[in-house]
């Protein structure tokens, strides 16, 4: 367990697939032993070795996927904290070192001698972020000033700004987020889960391809009609167009990372030609969308139709029974409800 009060920083000396080496002060190093837990930018890792200048800790693949540690490079500055002891002052709050996910710094504003930082985070994390509650950013215990549907703001006093690595952050940088463990248990036991009864809280993003415009338009039309029939207001639907299927995963990733959407729906058509290009585009588009869904835990309903001729795609987009636009809308709503109950 940690407290989120940073008294030491370090510099990345080396990073590999399975471990990371950090240069830091001799005073900090003297307190480390093989097997010691240490917080590195908010992620709890285990020390495996040390020398007079640095220490090394193992990194699991899951830690790399869920945190920013997989993106660290030599020379980067990181926050360090030793685990709390029975004699430690709990000056911050209870920090487990179990990063819930990453957020993005969207704005830095100076207010007097302090700094106000705004972050966007995945929507599932916002349930455990409350105004005046505690949150951990790159291992630093901070107080939430404002909490919204897709992010929050936190204030940093001059001392914390100076002694931690937070002053090196720039707009667009990703940070490790750990929500308050007490809020997480409260959310688990008492948070009212999303159901179709409060559909006014749902937001859906629809990504369509401009290539094969006629197919895309028919799919979108039937999807929107179904969502309207189910009671979803048009203001809660964001429509985006991309040039073609290959560009879909990038935009899906950006929308999922914003935390603004409960589900994404992807429409388009890929018609088989005489070259391998068809398989390349179809495979990469499908794989990319699946990766986005798993990485951000946002359902991505995939209706980019891979067909042998354009007539087949139009038939699937316009028919009354088993219409792919209708199926996409129903699947999105079903997945939102399912995800809220798990």
C-alpha atoms as a PDB file:
ATOM      1  CA  UNK A   1       0.000   0.000   0.000  1.00  0.00           C
ATOM      2  CA  UNK A   2       1.123   3.547  -0.753  1.00  0.00           C
ATOM      3  CA  UNK A   3      -0.082   7.036   0.162  1.00  0.00           C
ATOM      4  CA  UNK A   4       0.479   8.997  -3.045  1.00  0.00           C
ATOM      5  CA  UNK A   5       2.926  11.400  -1.384  1.00  0.00           C
ATOM      6  CA  UNK A   6       5.951  11.551  -3.697  1.00  0.00           C
ATOM      7  CA  UNK A   7       9.306  12.318  -2.105  1.00  0.00           C
ATOM      8  CA  UNK A   8      11.555  10.974  -4.848  1.00  0.00           C
ATOM      9  CA  UNK A   9      11.759  10.888  -8.633  1.00  0.00           C
ATOM     10  CA  UNK A  10      13.872   8.734 -10.900  1.00  0.00           C
ATOM     11  CA  UNK A  11      15.070   8.517 -14.486  1.00  0.00           C
ATOM     12  CA  UNK A  12      14.461   5.570 -16.790  1.00  0.00           C
ATOM     13  CA  UNK A  13      17.839   3.951 -17.442  1.00  0.00           C
ATOM     14  CA  UNK A  14      16.564   1.081 -19.562  1.00  0.00           C
ATOM     15  CA  UNK A  15      13.293  -0.624 -20.429  1.00  0.00           C
ATOM     16  CA  UNK A  16      12.732  -3.996 -22.055  1.00  0.00           C
ATOM     17  CA  UNK A  17       9.815  -6.324 -22.681  1.00  0.00           C
ATOM     18  CA  UNK A  18       9.924  -7.738 -19.171  1.00  0.00           C
ATOM     19  CA  UNK A  19      11.635  -5.230 -16.889  1.00  0.00           C
ATOM     20  CA  UNK A  20      12.566  -1.613 -16.279  1.00  0.00           C
ATOM     21  CA  UNK A  21      15.669  -0.049 -14.713  1.00  0.00           C
ATOM     22  CA  UNK A  22      15.483   3.254 -12.846  1.00  0.00           C
ATOM     23  CA  UNK A  23      18.306   5.584 -11.769  1.00  0.00           C
ATOM     24  CA  UNK A  24      17.582   7.407  -8.523  1.00  0.00           C
ATOM     25  CA  UNK A  25      19.235   8.739  -5.361  1.00  0.00           C
ATOM     26  CA  UNK A  26      21.432   6.655  -3.096  1.00  0.00           C
ATOM     27  CA  UNK A  27      19.127   7.429  -0.158  1.00  0.00           C
ATOM     28  CA  UNK A  28      16.178   5.846  -1.954  1.00  0.00           C
ATOM     29  CA  UNK A  29      18.251   2.897  -3.198  1.00  0.00           C
ATOM     30  CA  UNK A  30      19.484   2.064   0.307  1.00  0.00           C
ATOM     31  CA  UNK A  31      15.899   1.367   1.346  1.00  0.00           C
ATOM     32  CA  UNK A  32      15.348  -1.180  -1.421  1.00  0.00           C
ATOM     33  CA  UNK A  33      15.857  -4.929  -1.264  1.00  0.00           C
ATOM     34  CA  UNK A  34      15.108  -7.691  -3.739  1.00  0.00           C
ATOM     35  CA  UNK A  35      11.380  -8.327  -3.376  1.00  0.00           C
ATOM     36  CA  UNK A  36      10.546  -4.794  -2.178  1.00  0.00           C
ATOM     37  CA  UNK A  37       7.414  -3.246  -3.659  1.00  0.00           C
ATOM     38  CA  UNK A  38       7.867   0.162  -5.241  1.00  0.00           C
ATOM     39  CA  UNK A  39       5.458   2.539  -6.965  1.00  0.00           C
ATOM     40  CA  UNK A  40       6.690   3.643 -10.380  1.00  0.00           C
ATOM     41  CA  UNK A  41       4.420   6.371 -11.764  1.00  0.00           C
ATOM     42  CA  UNK A  42       1.626   4.832  -9.713  1.00  0.00           C
ATOM     43  CA  UNK A  43       2.118   1.186 -10.731  1.00  0.00           C
ATOM     44  CA  UNK A  44       3.192  -1.226  -8.000  1.00  0.00           C
ATOM     45  CA  UNK A  45       6.195  -3.259  -9.184  1.00  0.00           C
ATOM     46  CA  UNK A  46       8.623  -5.620  -7.449  1.00  0.00           C
ATOM     47  CA  UNK A  47      12.338  -4.899  -7.218  1.00  0.00           C
ATOM     48  CA  UNK A  48      14.461  -7.754  -8.598  1.00  0.00           C
ATOM     49  CA  UNK A  49      17.951  -6.251  -8.291  1.00  0.00           C
ATOM     50  CA  UNK A  50      19.869  -3.055  -7.602  1.00  0.00           C
ATOM     51  CA  UNK A  51      23.330  -1.514  -7.802  1.00  0.00           C
ATOM     52  CA  UNK A  52      24.813   1.727  -6.494  1.00  0.00           C
ATOM     53  CA  UNK A  53      23.073   3.831  -9.150  1.00  0.00           C
ATOM     54  CA  UNK A  54      19.824   2.109 -10.087  1.00  0.00           C
ATOM     55  CA  UNK A  55      17.334  -0.680  -9.471  1.00  0.00           C
ATOM     56  CA  UNK A  56      15.440  -3.058 -11.753  1.00  0.00           C
ATOM     57  CA  UNK A  57      11.832  -4.234 -11.482  1.00  0.00           C
ATOM     58  CA  UNK A  58       9.785  -6.750 -13.443  1.00  0.00           C
ATOM     59  CA  UNK A  59       6.871  -5.608 -15.643  1.00  0.00           C
ATOM     60  CA  UNK A  60       4.025  -7.962 -16.522  1.00  0.00           C
ATOM     61  CA  UNK A  61       2.418  -7.740 -20.005  1.00  0.00           C
ATOM     62  CA  UNK A  62      -0.879  -6.756 -18.326  1.00  0.00           C
ATOM     63  CA  UNK A  63       0.865  -3.836 -16.611  1.00  0.00           C
ATOM     64  CA  UNK A  64       2.245  -2.636 -19.938  1.00  0.00           C
ATOM     65  CA  UNK A  65      -1.188  -2.848 -21.535  1.00  0.00           C
ATOM     66  CA  UNK A  66      -3.053  -1.071 -18.745  1.00  0.00           C
ATOM     67  CA  UNK A  67      -0.496   1.617 -17.840  1.00  0.00           C
ATOM     68  CA  UNK A  68       1.851   4.078 -19.530  1.00  0.00           C
ATOM     69  CA  UNK A  69       4.940   2.092 -18.497  1.00  0.00           C
ATOM     70  CA  UNK A  70       5.074   0.357 -21.875  1.00  0.00           C
ATOM     71  CA  UNK A  71       5.610   3.753 -23.529  1.00  0.00           C
ATOM     72  CA  UNK A  72       8.451   4.929 -21.284  1.00  0.00           C
ATOM     73  CA  UNK A  73      11.797   5.671 -22.912  1.00  0.00           C
ATOM     74  CA  UNK A  74      15.336   6.152 -21.626  1.00  0.00           C
ATOM     75  CA  UNK A  75      15.695   9.514 -19.937  1.00  0.00           C
ATOM     76  CA  UNK A  76      12.027   9.873 -18.959  1.00  0.00           C
ATOM     77  CA  UNK A  77      11.410  11.160 -15.424  1.00  0.00           C
ATOM     78  CA  UNK A  78       9.057   9.135 -13.231  1.00  0.00           C
ATOM     79  CA  UNK A  79       7.573   9.388  -9.728  1.00  0.00           C
ATOM     80  CA  UNK A  80       8.740   6.923  -7.074  1.00  0.00           C
ATOM     81  CA  UNK A  81       7.282   5.918  -3.719  1.00  0.00           C
ATOM     82  CA  UNK A  82       8.151   3.246  -1.177  1.00  0.00           C
ATOM     83  CA  UNK A  83       5.304   1.258   0.399  1.00  0.00           C
ATOM     84  CA  UNK A  84       3.701   2.608   3.561  1.00  0.00           C
ATOM     85  CA  UNK A  85       4.611   1.154   6.970  1.00  0.00           C
ATOM     86  CA  UNK A  86       2.654   1.122  10.250  1.00  0.00           C
ATOM     87  CA  UNK A  87       4.582   4.283  11.188  1.00  0.00           C
ATOM     88  CA  UNK A  88       3.821   6.144   7.947  1.00  0.00           C
ATOM     89  CA  UNK A  89       1.716   9.279   8.018  1.00  0.00           C
ATOM     90  CA  UNK A  90      -1.293   8.874   5.724  1.00  0.00           C
ATOM     91  CA  UNK A  91      -0.831  12.352   4.285  1.00  0.00           C
ATOM     92  CA  UNK A  92      -2.443  11.454   0.969  1.00  0.00           C
ATOM     93  CA  UNK A  93      -4.935   8.583   0.705  1.00  0.00           C
ATOM     94  CA  UNK A  94      -4.896   4.784   0.432  1.00  0.00           C
ATOM     95  CA  UNK A  95      -3.204   3.954  -2.884  1.00  0.00           C
ATOM     96  CA  UNK A  96      -2.887   0.322  -3.977  1.00  0.00           C
ATOM     97  CA  UNK A  97      -0.628   0.817  -6.964  1.00  0.00           C
ATOM     98  CA  UNK A  98      -3.209  -1.015  -9.077  1.00  0.00           C
ATOM     99  CA  UNK A  99      -3.682   1.290 -12.059  1.00  0.00           C
ATOM    100  CA  UNK A 100      -7.260   1.249 -13.367  1.00  0.00           C
ATOM    101  CA  UNK A 101      -6.403   2.689 -16.762  1.00  0.00           C
ATOM    102  CA  UNK A 102      -4.910   5.693 -18.465  1.00  0.00           C
ATOM    103  CA  UNK A 103      -6.217   9.196 -19.006  1.00  0.00           C
ATOM    104  CA  UNK A 104      -5.169  12.063 -21.236  1.00  0.00           C
ATOM    105  CA  UNK A 105      -4.108  15.534 -20.109  1.00  0.00           C
ATOM    106  CA  UNK A 106      -6.323  17.925 -22.063  1.00  0.00           C
ATOM    107  CA  UNK A 107      -5.547  21.278 -20.433  1.00  0.00           C
ATOM    108  CA  UNK A 108      -3.123  22.982 -18.026  1.00  0.00           C
ATOM    109  CA  UNK A 109      -4.170  26.256 -16.446  1.00  0.00           C
ATOM    110  CA  UNK A 110      -2.211  28.288 -13.910  1.00  0.00           C
ATOM    111  CA  UNK A 111      -4.237  29.742 -11.058  1.00  0.00           C
ATOM    112  CA  UNK A 112      -2.144  31.900  -8.760  1.00  0.00           C
ATOM    113  CA  UNK A 113       0.897  29.822  -7.848  1.00  0.00           C
ATOM    114  CA  UNK A 114      -0.984  26.544  -8.363  1.00  0.00           C
ATOM    115  CA  UNK A 115      -1.947  24.593 -11.462  1.00  0.00           C
ATOM    116  CA  UNK A 116      -5.308  23.217 -12.554  1.00  0.00           C
ATOM    117  CA  UNK A 117      -5.073  20.126 -14.766  1.00  0.00           C
ATOM    118  CA  UNK A 118      -7.938  18.689 -16.813  1.00  0.00           C
ATOM    119  CA  UNK A 119      -8.006  15.026 -17.831  1.00  0.00           C
ATOM    120  CA  UNK A 120     -10.215  12.858 -20.022  1.00  0.00           C
ATOM    121  CA  UNK A 121     -10.674   9.259 -18.882  1.00  0.00           C
ATOM    122  CA  UNK A 122     -12.611   6.192 -20.086  1.00  0.00           C
ATOM    123  CA  UNK A 123     -16.264   6.444 -19.095  1.00  0.00           C
ATOM    124  CA  UNK A 124     -16.223   3.339 -16.800  1.00  0.00           C
ATOM    125  CA  UNK A 125     -13.660   5.088 -14.558  1.00  0.00           C
ATOM    126  CA  UNK A 126     -15.789   8.200 -14.112  1.00  0.00           C
ATOM    127  CA  UNK A 127     -18.199   6.280 -11.875  1.00  0.00           C
ATOM    128  CA  UNK A 128     -15.565   6.213  -9.132  1.00  0.00           C
ATOM    129  CA  UNK A 129     -14.476   9.864  -9.530  1.00  0.00           C
ATOM    130  CA  UNK A 130     -16.348  12.349  -7.352  1.00  0.00           C
ATOM    131  CA  UNK A 131     -15.959  16.029  -6.599  1.00  0.00           C
ATOM    132  CA  UNK A 132     -13.597  16.598  -3.641  1.00  0.00           C
ATOM    133  CA  UNK A 133     -12.700  12.906  -3.669  1.00  0.00           C
ATOM    134  CA  UNK A 134      -9.190  11.489  -4.003  1.00  0.00           C
ATOM    135  CA  UNK A 135      -7.530  10.248  -7.178  1.00  0.00           C
ATOM    136  CA  UNK A 136      -4.011   9.109  -8.080  1.00  0.00           C
ATOM    137  CA  UNK A 137      -2.301  10.490 -11.187  1.00  0.00           C
ATOM    138  CA  UNK A 138       1.073   8.925 -12.027  1.00  0.00           C
ATOM    139  CA  UNK A 139       1.311   7.890  -8.388  1.00  0.00           C
ATOM    140  CA  UNK A 140       0.504  11.341  -6.967  1.00  0.00           C
ATOM    141  CA  UNK A 141      -2.436  11.708  -4.561  1.00  0.00           C
ATOM    142  CA  UNK A 142      -4.604  14.626  -5.689  1.00  0.00           C
ATOM    143  CA  UNK A 143      -8.031  16.036  -4.900  1.00  0.00           C
ATOM    144  CA  UNK A 144     -10.697  16.143  -7.609  1.00  0.00           C
ATOM    145  CA  UNK A 145     -12.029  19.675  -8.161  1.00  0.00           C
ATOM    146  CA  UNK A 146     -14.705  18.884 -10.739  1.00  0.00           C
ATOM    147  CA  UNK A 147     -15.934  15.529 -12.041  1.00  0.00           C
ATOM    148  CA  UNK A 148     -17.784  15.155 -15.324  1.00  0.00           C
ATOM    149  CA  UNK A 149     -19.167  12.513 -17.666  1.00  0.00           C
ATOM    150  CA  UNK A 150     -15.875  12.076 -19.511  1.00  0.00           C
ATOM    151  CA  UNK A 151     -13.172  13.463 -17.242  1.00  0.00           C
ATOM    152  CA  UNK A 152     -12.178  15.576 -14.261  1.00  0.00           C
ATOM    153  CA  UNK A 153      -9.986  18.425 -13.074  1.00  0.00           C
ATOM    154  CA  UNK A 154      -7.488  18.365 -10.222  1.00  0.00           C
ATOM    155  CA  UNK A 155      -5.415  21.049  -8.549  1.00  0.00           C
ATOM    156  CA  UNK A 156      -1.686  20.883  -7.806  1.00  0.00           C
ATOM    157  CA  UNK A 157       0.019  23.061  -5.221  1.00  0.00           C
ATOM    158  CA  UNK A 158       3.459  24.560  -6.034  1.00  0.00           C
ATOM    159  CA  UNK A 159       5.345  22.097  -3.797  1.00  0.00           C
ATOM    160  CA  UNK A 160       3.825  19.029  -5.484  1.00  0.00           C
ATOM    161  CA  UNK A 161       4.362  20.567  -8.913  1.00  0.00           C
ATOM    162  CA  UNK A 162       8.052  21.090  -8.125  1.00  0.00           C
ATOM    163  CA  UNK A 163       8.993  17.799  -6.419  1.00  0.00           C
ATOM    164  CA  UNK A 164       7.100  15.393  -8.706  1.00  0.00           C
ATOM    165  CA  UNK A 165       7.369  14.631 -12.415  1.00  0.00           C
ATOM    166  CA  UNK A 166       3.939  16.164 -13.056  1.00  0.00           C
ATOM    167  CA  UNK A 167       5.534  19.462 -14.096  1.00  0.00           C
ATOM    168  CA  UNK A 168       6.937  17.689 -17.161  1.00  0.00           C
ATOM    169  CA  UNK A 169       3.498  16.774 -18.481  1.00  0.00           C
ATOM    170  CA  UNK A 170       2.257  18.358 -21.694  1.00  0.00           C
ATOM    171  CA  UNK A 171      -1.162  18.531 -23.250  1.00  0.00           C
ATOM    172  CA  UNK A 172      -1.952  15.223 -24.961  1.00  0.00           C
ATOM    173  CA  UNK A 173       0.272  13.141 -22.666  1.00  0.00           C
ATOM    174  CA  UNK A 174      -1.251   9.982 -21.195  1.00  0.00           C
ATOM    175  CA  UNK A 175      -1.117   9.362 -17.437  1.00  0.00           C
ATOM    176  CA  UNK A 176      -1.799   6.459 -15.091  1.00  0.00           C
ATOM    177  CA  UNK A 177      -5.090   6.718 -13.212  1.00  0.00           C
ATOM    178  CA  UNK A 178      -6.024   4.911 -10.004  1.00  0.00           C
ATOM    179  CA  UNK A 179      -9.415   5.846  -8.611  1.00  0.00           C
ATOM    180  CA  UNK A 180     -10.086   5.840  -4.875  1.00  0.00           C
ATOM    181  CA  UNK A 181     -10.358   2.245  -3.629  1.00  0.00           C
ATOM    182  CA  UNK A 182     -13.210   3.229  -1.280  1.00  0.00           C
ATOM    183  CA  UNK A 183     -15.112   4.747  -4.204  1.00  0.00           C
ATOM    184  CA  UNK A 184     -14.558   1.567  -6.222  1.00  0.00           C
ATOM    185  CA  UNK A 185     -16.106  -0.635  -3.535  1.00  0.00           C
ATOM    186  CA  UNK A 186     -18.980   1.796  -3.126  1.00  0.00           C
ATOM    187  CA  UNK A 187     -19.539   1.800  -6.888  1.00  0.00           C
ATOM    188  CA  UNK A 188     -19.420  -2.002  -6.979  1.00  0.00           C
ATOM    189  CA  UNK A 189     -22.058  -2.386  -4.301  1.00  0.00           C
ATOM    190  CA  UNK A 190     -24.287   0.658  -4.569  1.00  0.00           C
ATOM    191  CA  UNK A 191     -23.943   2.279  -8.005  1.00  0.00           C
ATOM    192  CA  UNK A 192     -27.179   2.112  -9.920  1.00  0.00           C
ATOM    193  CA  UNK A 193     -26.312   0.153 -13.051  1.00  0.00           C
ATOM    194  CA  UNK A 194     -27.180   1.459 -16.482  1.00  0.00           C
ATOM    195  CA  UNK A 195     -30.339  -0.060 -17.960  1.00  0.00           C
ATOM    196  CA  UNK A 196     -32.475   0.660 -20.959  1.00  0.00           C
ATOM    197  CA  UNK A 197     -34.838   2.520 -18.575  1.00  0.00           C
ATOM    198  CA  UNK A 198     -32.376   5.407 -18.342  1.00  0.00           C
ATOM    199  CA  UNK A 199     -31.510   5.458 -22.010  1.00  0.00           C
ATOM    200  CA  UNK A 200     -31.130   9.251 -21.810  1.00  0.00           C
ATOM    201  CA  UNK A 201     -27.631   8.685 -20.386  1.00  0.00           C
ATOM    202  CA  UNK A 202     -26.374   6.580 -23.315  1.00  0.00           C
ATOM    203  CA  UNK A 203     -24.030   7.948 -26.002  1.00  0.00           C
ATOM    204  CA  UNK A 204     -23.287   6.087 -29.223  1.00  0.00           C
ATOM    205  CA  UNK A 205     -20.753   6.928 -31.919  1.00  0.00           C
ATOM    206  CA  UNK A 206     -21.326   5.866 -35.530  1.00  0.00           C
ATOM    207  CA  UNK A 207     -18.399   5.689 -37.944  1.00  0.00           C
ATOM    208  CA  UNK A 208     -19.243   5.333 -41.635  1.00  0.00           C
ATOM    209  CA  UNK A 209     -17.046   5.064 -44.713  1.00  0.00           C
ATOM    210  CA  UNK A 210     -17.432   7.513 -47.591  1.00  0.00           C
ATOM    211  CA  UNK A 211     -16.299   4.823 -50.000  1.00  0.00           C
ATOM    212  CA  UNK A 212     -19.360   2.778 -51.019  1.00  0.00           C
ATOM    213  CA  UNK A 213     -21.437   5.743 -49.863  1.00  0.00           C
ATOM    214  CA  UNK A 214     -24.779   4.270 -50.875  1.00  0.00           C
ATOM    215  CA  UNK A 215     -24.319   1.188 -48.691  1.00  0.00           C
ATOM    216  CA  UNK A 216     -23.124   3.261 -45.743  1.00  0.00           C
ATOM    217  CA  UNK A 217     -26.076   5.657 -46.019  1.00  0.00           C
ATOM    218  CA  UNK A 218     -28.622   2.814 -46.007  1.00  0.00           C
ATOM    219  CA  UNK A 219     -26.999   1.162 -42.993  1.00  0.00           C
ATOM    220  CA  UNK A 220     -26.917   4.456 -41.102  1.00  0.00           C
ATOM    221  CA  UNK A 221     -30.545   5.226 -41.977  1.00  0.00           C
ATOM    222  CA  UNK A 222     -31.855   1.924 -40.625  1.00  0.00           C
ATOM    223  CA  UNK A 223     -29.608   2.097 -37.574  1.00  0.00           C
ATOM    224  CA  UNK A 224     -30.751   5.610 -36.663  1.00  0.00           C
ATOM    225  CA  UNK A 225     -34.406   4.667 -37.130  1.00  0.00           C
ATOM    226  CA  UNK A 226     -33.972   1.734 -34.735  1.00  0.00           C
ATOM    227  CA  UNK A 227     -32.180   3.815 -32.118  1.00  0.00           C
ATOM    228  CA  UNK A 228     -34.914   6.450 -32.341  1.00  0.00           C
ATOM    229  CA  UNK A 229     -37.550   3.741 -31.957  1.00  0.00           C
ATOM    230  CA  UNK A 230     -35.788   2.528 -28.811  1.00  0.00           C
ATOM    231  CA  UNK A 231     -35.917   6.059 -27.392  1.00  0.00           C
ATOM    232  CA  UNK A 232     -32.348   7.260 -27.903  1.00  0.00           C
ATOM    233  CA  UNK A 233     -32.336  11.042 -28.588  1.00  0.00           C
ATOM    234  CA  UNK A 234     -30.467  12.201 -31.694  1.00  0.00           C
ATOM    235  CA  UNK A 235     -28.323  14.543 -29.563  1.00  0.00           C
ATOM    236  CA  UNK A 236     -26.716  11.470 -27.954  1.00  0.00           C
ATOM    237  CA  UNK A 237     -25.482  10.098 -31.278  1.00  0.00           C
ATOM    238  CA  UNK A 238     -22.245  11.289 -32.905  1.00  0.00           C
ATOM    239  CA  UNK A 239     -21.846  10.607 -36.635  1.00  0.00           C
ATOM    240  CA  UNK A 240     -18.364  10.563 -38.201  1.00  0.00           C
ATOM    241  CA  UNK A 241     -17.276   9.811 -41.768  1.00  0.00           C
ATOM    242  CA  UNK A 242     -13.887   8.408 -42.803  1.00  0.00           C
ATOM    243  CA  UNK A 243     -12.548   7.953 -46.358  1.00  0.00           C
ATOM    244  CA  UNK A 244     -12.463   4.147 -46.315  1.00  0.00           C
ATOM    245  CA  UNK A 245     -12.446   0.996 -44.206  1.00  0.00           C
ATOM    246  CA  UNK A 246      -8.694   1.082 -43.508  1.00  0.00           C
ATOM    247  CA  UNK A 247      -9.083   4.423 -41.689  1.00  0.00           C
ATOM    248  CA  UNK A 248     -11.873   3.151 -39.402  1.00  0.00           C
ATOM    249  CA  UNK A 249      -9.769   1.674 -36.533  1.00  0.00           C
ATOM    250  CA  UNK A 250      -7.801   4.889 -35.955  1.00  0.00           C
ATOM    251  CA  UNK A 251     -10.947   6.988 -35.570  1.00  0.00           C
ATOM    252  CA  UNK A 252     -12.587   4.261 -33.468  1.00  0.00           C
ATOM    253  CA  UNK A 253      -9.569   4.307 -31.151  1.00  0.00           C
ATOM    254  CA  UNK A 254      -9.690   8.087 -30.768  1.00  0.00           C
ATOM    255  CA  UNK A 255     -13.422   8.039 -30.003  1.00  0.00           C
ATOM    256  CA  UNK A 256     -13.122   5.153 -27.538  1.00  0.00           C
ATOM    257  CA  UNK A 257     -10.173   6.825 -25.782  1.00  0.00           C
ATOM    258  CA  UNK A 258     -12.210   9.996 -25.255  1.00  0.00           C
ATOM    259  CA  UNK A 259     -14.454   8.180 -22.788  1.00  0.00           C
ATOM    260  CA  UNK A 260     -17.483   9.898 -24.319  1.00  0.00           C
ATOM    261  CA  UNK A 261     -19.142   6.834 -25.834  1.00  0.00           C
ATOM    262  CA  UNK A 262     -20.816   3.728 -24.415  1.00  0.00           C
ATOM    263  CA  UNK A 263     -20.592   1.946 -27.777  1.00  0.00           C
ATOM    264  CA  UNK A 264     -19.331   2.502 -31.307  1.00  0.00           C
ATOM    265  CA  UNK A 265     -20.961   1.268 -34.522  1.00  0.00           C
ATOM    266  CA  UNK A 266     -18.939   0.897 -37.724  1.00  0.00           C
ATOM    267  CA  UNK A 267     -20.511   0.859 -41.196  1.00  0.00           C
ATOM    268  CA  UNK A 268     -19.103   0.362 -44.686  1.00  0.00           C
ATOM    269  CA  UNK A 269     -18.598  -2.115 -47.488  1.00  0.00           C
ATOM    270  CA  UNK A 270     -15.554  -3.860 -48.971  1.00  0.00           C
ATOM    271  CA  UNK A 271     -16.123  -5.572 -52.316  1.00  0.00           C
ATOM    272  CA  UNK A 272     -13.789  -8.383 -53.375  1.00  0.00           C
ATOM    273  CA  UNK A 273     -11.703  -7.597 -56.426  1.00  0.00           C
ATOM    274  CA  UNK A 274      -9.082  -9.526 -58.369  1.00  0.00           C
ATOM    275  CA  UNK A 275      -6.175  -8.829 -55.986  1.00  0.00           C
ATOM    276  CA  UNK A 276      -5.236  -9.605 -52.383  1.00  0.00           C
ATOM    277  CA  UNK A 277      -6.060  -5.996 -51.447  1.00  0.00           C
ATOM    278  CA  UNK A 278      -9.564  -7.079 -50.405  1.00  0.00           C
ATOM    279  CA  UNK A 279      -8.245  -9.462 -47.730  1.00  0.00           C
ATOM    280  CA  UNK A 280      -5.697  -6.953 -46.477  1.00  0.00           C
ATOM    281  CA  UNK A 281      -8.258  -4.196 -45.931  1.00  0.00           C
ATOM    282  CA  UNK A 282     -10.971  -6.470 -44.519  1.00  0.00           C
ATOM    283  CA  UNK A 283      -8.617  -8.232 -42.088  1.00  0.00           C
ATOM    284  CA  UNK A 284      -6.903  -5.091 -40.815  1.00  0.00           C
ATOM    285  CA  UNK A 285     -10.183  -3.212 -40.370  1.00  0.00           C
ATOM    286  CA  UNK A 286     -11.772  -6.062 -38.401  1.00  0.00           C
ATOM    287  CA  UNK A 287      -8.636  -6.692 -36.312  1.00  0.00           C
ATOM    288  CA  UNK A 288      -8.186  -3.006 -35.541  1.00  0.00           C
ATOM    289  CA  UNK A 289     -11.782  -2.590 -34.349  1.00  0.00           C
ATOM    290  CA  UNK A 290     -11.522  -5.702 -32.175  1.00  0.00           C
ATOM    291  CA  UNK A 291      -8.320  -4.336 -30.617  1.00  0.00           C
ATOM    292  CA  UNK A 292     -10.068  -1.045 -29.797  1.00  0.00           C
ATOM    293  CA  UNK A 293     -12.956  -2.835 -28.093  1.00  0.00           C
ATOM    294  CA  UNK A 294     -10.640  -4.901 -25.921  1.00  0.00           C
ATOM    295  CA  UNK A 295      -8.250  -2.068 -25.071  1.00  0.00           C
ATOM    296  CA  UNK A 296     -10.892   0.462 -24.025  1.00  0.00           C
ATOM    297  CA  UNK A 297     -13.722  -1.885 -22.986  1.00  0.00           C
ATOM    298  CA  UNK A 298     -16.088  -0.081 -25.348  1.00  0.00           C
ATOM    299  CA  UNK A 299     -18.233  -2.319 -27.574  1.00  0.00           C
ATOM    300  CA  UNK A 300     -17.427  -1.819 -31.262  1.00  0.00           C
ATOM    301  CA  UNK A 301     -20.258  -3.161 -33.413  1.00  0.00           C
ATOM    302  CA  UNK A 302     -18.645  -4.159 -36.682  1.00  0.00           C
ATOM    303  CA  UNK A 303     -20.825  -3.929 -39.794  1.00  0.00           C
ATOM    304  CA  UNK A 304     -18.283  -3.274 -42.508  1.00  0.00           C
ATOM    305  CA  UNK A 305     -19.720  -5.702 -45.032  1.00  0.00           C
ATOM    306  CA  UNK A 306     -17.122  -7.824 -46.836  1.00  0.00           C
ATOM    307  CA  UNK A 307     -18.897  -9.111 -49.950  1.00  0.00           C
ATOM    308  CA  UNK A 308     -18.266 -10.468 -53.447  1.00  0.00           C
ATOM    309  CA  UNK A 309     -20.363  -7.834 -55.201  1.00  0.00           C
ATOM    310  CA  UNK A 310     -21.908  -4.465 -54.414  1.00  0.00           C
ATOM    311  CA  UNK A 311     -25.449  -5.738 -54.976  1.00  0.00           C
ATOM    312  CA  UNK A 312     -25.049  -8.159 -52.059  1.00  0.00           C
ATOM    313  CA  UNK A 313     -23.978  -5.304 -49.755  1.00  0.00           C
ATOM    314  CA  UNK A 314     -26.934  -3.156 -50.812  1.00  0.00           C
ATOM    315  CA  UNK A 315     -29.317  -6.053 -50.249  1.00  0.00           C
ATOM    316  CA  UNK A 316     -28.054  -6.553 -46.689  1.00  0.00           C
ATOM    317  CA  UNK A 317     -28.301  -2.816 -46.006  1.00  0.00           C
ATOM    318  CA  UNK A 318     -31.842  -2.363 -47.332  1.00  0.00           C
ATOM    319  CA  UNK A 319     -33.782  -5.572 -46.665  1.00  0.00           C
ATOM    320  CA  UNK A 320     -36.449  -5.557 -43.978  1.00  0.00           C
ATOM    321  CA  UNK A 321     -35.545  -8.858 -42.337  1.00  0.00           C
ATOM    322  CA  UNK A 322     -32.065  -9.289 -40.834  1.00  0.00           C
ATOM    323  CA  UNK A 323     -31.147  -5.749 -41.835  1.00  0.00           C
ATOM    324  CA  UNK A 324     -27.553  -5.060 -40.837  1.00  0.00           C
ATOM    325  CA  UNK A 325     -28.238  -1.463 -39.791  1.00  0.00           C
ATOM    326  CA  UNK A 326     -31.069  -2.580 -37.515  1.00  0.00           C
ATOM    327  CA  UNK A 327     -28.959  -5.424 -36.105  1.00  0.00           C
ATOM    328  CA  UNK A 328     -26.103  -3.025 -35.346  1.00  0.00           C
ATOM    329  CA  UNK A 329     -28.366  -0.724 -33.311  1.00  0.00           C
ATOM    330  CA  UNK A 330     -29.906  -3.600 -31.352  1.00  0.00           C
ATOM    331  CA  UNK A 331     -26.517  -5.164 -30.692  1.00  0.00           C
ATOM    332  CA  UNK A 332     -25.070  -1.867 -29.459  1.00  0.00           C
ATOM    333  CA  UNK A 333     -27.903  -1.356 -26.968  1.00  0.00           C
ATOM    334  CA  UNK A 334     -27.689  -4.970 -25.794  1.00  0.00           C
ATOM    335  CA  UNK A 335     -23.928  -4.725 -25.260  1.00  0.00           C
ATOM    336  CA  UNK A 336     -24.245  -1.451 -23.337  1.00  0.00           C
ATOM    337  CA  UNK A 337     -26.733  -3.050 -20.992  1.00  0.00           C
ATOM    338  CA  UNK A 338     -24.625  -6.195 -20.610  1.00  0.00           C
ATOM    339  CA  UNK A 339     -21.432  -4.245 -19.912  1.00  0.00           C
ATOM    340  CA  UNK A 340     -23.235  -2.220 -17.237  1.00  0.00           C
ATOM    341  CA  UNK A 341     -24.278  -5.372 -15.393  1.00  0.00           C
ATOM    342  CA  UNK A 342     -20.893  -7.125 -15.348  1.00  0.00           C
END
